[in-house]
Amino acid sequence: MTDACVIEVRARTAGIVVREGDNYCFFAAHRDFHALERQSFDSLLAAQAAATRCAGDAASAIRIDPPRAAAPRT
């Protein structure tokens, strides 16, 4: 059985899960998945499902990053 696995959601690396006994511990690779950091899951599928839900929550959050205007030259 696999001891570590990369979890991807929508072609983005969400994190890795590492086998710890009978469970898998999640380590986030992106801030959108930080809510799952160090959570324990019974299976790889459970970790994947949680990451997919987390990505949906992150996508619904409003983020506005306006472009920065260049400083006027004098």
C-alpha atoms as a PDB file:
ATOM      1  CA  MET A   1       0.000   0.000   0.000  1.00  0.00           C
ATOM      2  CA  THR A   2       1.159   3.558  -0.718  1.00  0.00           C
ATOM      3  CA  ASP A   3       2.798   5.497   2.129  1.00  0.00           C
ATOM      4  CA  ALA A   4       2.386   8.937   0.518  1.00  0.00           C
ATOM      5  CA  CYS A   5       0.252  10.313  -2.282  1.00  0.00           C
ATOM      6  CA  VAL A   6      -0.231  13.675  -3.989  1.00  0.00           C
ATOM      7  CA  ILE A   7      -3.809  14.977  -3.975  1.00  0.00           C
ATOM      8  CA  GLU A   8      -4.778  17.137  -6.956  1.00  0.00           C
ATOM      9  CA  VAL A   9      -7.985  19.093  -7.480  1.00  0.00           C
ATOM     10  CA  ARG A  10      -8.762  20.748 -10.809  1.00  0.00           C
ATOM     11  CA  ALA A  11      -5.186  20.225 -12.045  1.00  0.00           C
ATOM     12  CA  ARG A  12      -3.787  21.943  -8.950  1.00  0.00           C
ATOM     13  CA  THR A  13      -1.763  20.267  -6.223  1.00  0.00           C
ATOM     14  CA  ALA A  14      -3.822  20.465  -3.033  1.00  0.00           C
ATOM     15  CA  GLY A  15      -1.331  18.637  -0.852  1.00  0.00           C
ATOM     16  CA  ILE A  16       0.065  15.277   0.053  1.00  0.00           C
ATOM     17  CA  VAL A  17      -1.275  12.618   2.352  1.00  0.00           C
ATOM     18  CA  VAL A  18       1.103  10.468   4.349  1.00  0.00           C
ATOM     19  CA  ARG A  19       0.183   7.109   5.804  1.00  0.00           C
ATOM     20  CA  GLU A  20       0.170   7.073   9.604  1.00  0.00           C
ATOM     21  CA  GLY A  21      -0.892   3.672  10.861  1.00  0.00           C
ATOM     22  CA  ASP A  22      -4.366   2.981   9.479  1.00  0.00           C
ATOM     23  CA  ASN A  23      -5.003   6.628   8.513  1.00  0.00           C
ATOM     24  CA  TYR A  24      -3.634   9.295   6.186  1.00  0.00           C
ATOM     25  CA  CYS A  25      -2.477  12.727   7.348  1.00  0.00           C
ATOM     26  CA  PHE A  26      -2.968  15.675   4.971  1.00  0.00           C
ATOM     27  CA  PHE A  27      -0.285  18.328   4.401  1.00  0.00           C
ATOM     28  CA  ALA A  28      -1.446  21.323   2.365  1.00  0.00           C
ATOM     29  CA  ALA A  29       0.543  22.478  -0.653  1.00  0.00           C
ATOM     30  CA  HIS A  30      -1.548  25.614  -1.228  1.00  0.00           C
ATOM     31  CA  ARG A  31      -3.195  28.089   1.125  1.00  0.00           C
ATOM     32  CA  ASP A  32      -6.663  27.246  -0.219  1.00  0.00           C
ATOM     33  CA  PHE A  33      -6.270  23.827   1.412  1.00  0.00           C
ATOM     34  CA  HIS A  34      -4.793  24.980   4.712  1.00  0.00           C
ATOM     35  CA  ALA A  35      -8.041  24.110   6.520  1.00  0.00           C
ATOM     36  CA  LEU A  36      -7.149  20.450   5.944  1.00  0.00           C
ATOM     37  CA  GLU A  37      -3.605  20.762   7.321  1.00  0.00           C
ATOM     38  CA  ARG A  38      -2.722  17.772   9.528  1.00  0.00           C
ATOM     39  CA  GLN A  39      -6.256  16.359   9.410  1.00  0.00           C
ATOM     40  CA  SER A  40      -6.479  12.589   9.509  1.00  0.00           C
ATOM     41  CA  PHE A  41      -8.491  10.609   6.942  1.00  0.00           C
ATOM     42  CA  ASP A  42      -9.529   6.956   6.850  1.00  0.00           C
ATOM     43  CA  SER A  43      -8.673   6.606   3.160  1.00  0.00           C
ATOM     44  CA  LEU A  44      -7.142   8.339   0.168  1.00  0.00           C
ATOM     45  CA  LEU A  45     -10.635   8.750  -1.276  1.00  0.00           C
ATOM     46  CA  ALA A  46     -11.799  10.543   1.875  1.00  0.00           C
ATOM     47  CA  ALA A  47      -8.834  12.928   1.658  1.00  0.00           C
ATOM     48  CA  GLN A  48      -9.537  13.558  -2.046  1.00  0.00           C
ATOM     49  CA  ALA A  49     -13.211  14.270  -1.307  1.00  0.00           C
ATOM     50  CA  ALA A  50     -12.309  16.715   1.470  1.00  0.00           C
ATOM     51  CA  ALA A  51      -9.849  18.528  -0.796  1.00  0.00           C
ATOM     52  CA  THR A  52     -12.473  18.762  -3.542  1.00  0.00           C
ATOM     53  CA  ARG A  53     -14.981  20.259  -1.083  1.00  0.00           C
ATOM     54  CA  CYS A  54     -12.319  22.650   0.207  1.00  0.00           C
ATOM     55  CA  ALA A  55     -11.549  23.799  -3.352  1.00  0.00           C
ATOM     56  CA  GLY A  56     -15.241  24.502  -3.884  1.00  0.00           C
ATOM     57  CA  ASP A  57     -15.319  26.624  -0.726  1.00  0.00           C
ATOM     58  CA  ALA A  58     -12.215  28.520  -1.836  1.00  0.00           C
ATOM     59  CA  ALA A  59     -13.688  29.152  -5.287  1.00  0.00           C
ATOM     60  CA  SER A  60     -16.803  30.693  -3.749  1.00  0.00           C
ATOM     61  CA  ALA A  61     -14.766  33.163  -1.685  1.00  0.00           C
ATOM     62  CA  ILE A  62     -14.541  36.598  -3.251  1.00  0.00           C
ATOM     63  CA  ARG A  63     -11.023  37.643  -4.046  1.00  0.00           C
ATOM     64  CA  ILE A  64     -10.261  40.943  -5.627  1.00  0.00           C
ATOM     65  CA  ASP A  65      -6.667  41.672  -6.450  1.00  0.00           C
ATOM     66  CA  PRO A  66      -6.740  44.872  -8.499  1.00  0.00           C
ATOM     67  CA  PRO A  67      -3.764  45.536 -10.717  1.00  0.00           C
ATOM     68  CA  ARG A  68      -1.294  47.968  -9.268  1.00  0.00           C
ATOM     69  CA  ALA A  69      -1.062  51.256 -11.067  1.00  0.00           C
ATOM     70  CA  ALA A  70       2.381  52.363 -12.040  1.00  0.00           C
ATOM     71  CA  ALA A  71       3.671  55.311 -10.044  1.00  0.00           C
ATOM     72  CA  PRO A  72       3.667  58.524 -12.071  1.00  0.00           C
ATOM     73  CA  ARG A  73       7.083  59.556 -13.273  1.00  0.00           C
ATOM     74  CA  THR A  74       8.252  63.024 -12.456  1.00  0.00           C
END
